Amino acid sequence: MATRWRVGPAASATHLFDAKASGALRLNVKLERCRAVPATFETGMTLEWSDHAYRFHMAAALADRTAEAARPRRRAG
């Protein structure tokens, strides 16, 4: 089955020990075309490089909260 993927850079994770240093490499990956998957199915993900395992894994949404902290919060009411 033929697929088409779009791969691009993502903001790096925060470094565990030095806030000024860049963290792990991250890539945004999105499935552009696949006949077996409906077009409405969301297929994007962020992958993060692991120096310990020497492979990519899915970046944990709760592990890096810098994007969440920068987002303005809505007030109820």
Protein backbone atom coordinates (compact mmCIF):
# COMPACT_ATOMS: atom_id res chain seq x y z
CA MET A 1 0.00 0.00 0.00
CA ALA A 2 1.44 3.35 -1.05
CA THR A 3 1.37 6.23 1.42
CA ARG A 4 2.52 9.85 1.36
CA TRP A 5 3.98 11.40 4.51
CA ARG A 6 4.89 15.02 5.27
CA VAL A 7 7.83 15.37 7.66
CA GLY A 8 8.95 18.71 9.07
CA PRO A 9 10.76 20.23 12.02
CA ALA A 10 9.10 20.81 15.39
CA ALA A 11 10.23 22.84 18.40
CA SER A 12 12.76 20.87 20.41
CA ALA A 13 11.95 19.61 23.87
CA THR A 14 13.28 21.46 26.89
CA HIS A 15 16.61 20.21 28.20
CA LEU A 16 16.37 18.37 31.50
CA PHE A 17 19.32 20.09 33.18
CA ASP A 18 19.87 23.38 31.32
CA ALA A 19 16.95 25.61 30.34
CA LYS A 20 19.13 27.51 27.82
CA ALA A 21 20.23 24.37 25.95
CA SER A 22 18.15 22.72 23.26
CA GLY A 23 16.58 19.41 24.13
CA ALA A 24 15.74 16.34 22.10
CA LEU A 25 15.16 16.64 18.35
CA ARG A 26 11.47 16.61 17.41
CA LEU A 27 9.74 16.13 14.06
CA ASN A 28 6.14 16.72 13.01
CA VAL A 29 4.92 13.79 10.93
CA LYS A 30 1.58 13.71 9.11
CA LEU A 31 0.05 11.11 6.84
CA GLU A 32 -0.94 13.00 3.67
CA ARG A 33 -2.43 10.19 1.64
CA CYS A 34 -3.46 6.60 2.20
CA ARG A 35 -6.42 4.94 0.52
CA ALA A 36 -7.08 2.68 3.50
CA VAL A 37 -7.54 5.64 5.90
CA PRO A 38 -10.53 8.02 5.63
CA ALA A 39 -9.63 11.65 4.79
CA THR A 40 -11.27 12.90 8.00
CA PHE A 41 -9.01 10.76 10.20
CA GLU A 42 -6.39 12.90 12.00
CA THR A 43 -3.01 11.29 11.46
CA GLY A 44 -0.50 13.88 12.64
CA MET A 45 1.98 13.21 15.43
CA THR A 46 5.17 14.57 16.94
CA LEU A 47 8.16 12.24 17.16
CA GLU A 48 11.08 12.76 19.53
CA TRP A 49 14.59 11.31 19.18
CA SER A 50 15.87 9.25 22.10
CA ASP A 51 19.65 9.30 22.60
CA HIS A 52 19.39 6.31 24.92
CA ALA A 53 17.39 4.00 22.62
CA TYR A 54 18.72 5.44 19.32
CA ARG A 55 15.22 5.67 17.85
CA PHE A 56 12.22 7.97 17.56
CA HIS A 57 9.21 7.69 19.85
CA MET A 58 5.99 9.66 20.19
CA ALA A 59 6.56 12.82 22.20
CA ALA A 60 4.58 12.87 25.44
CA ALA A 61 2.13 15.77 25.52
CA LEU A 62 2.49 16.22 29.28
CA ALA A 63 6.28 15.99 29.35
CA ASP A 64 6.82 19.42 27.77
CA ARG A 65 4.38 22.08 28.96
CA THR A 66 6.11 25.11 27.43
CA ALA A 67 3.51 25.40 24.67
CA GLU A 68 0.71 25.07 27.20
CA ALA A 69 2.20 27.77 29.43
CA ALA A 70 2.50 30.19 26.50
CA ARG A 71 -1.15 29.71 25.50
CA PRO A 72 -3.53 32.32 26.97
CA ARG A 73 -6.12 30.90 29.33
CA ARG A 74 -9.81 31.54 28.90
CA ARG A 75 -11.80 32.95 31.74
CA ALA A 76 -15.11 31.36 32.59
CA GLY A 77 -18.14 33.60 32.63
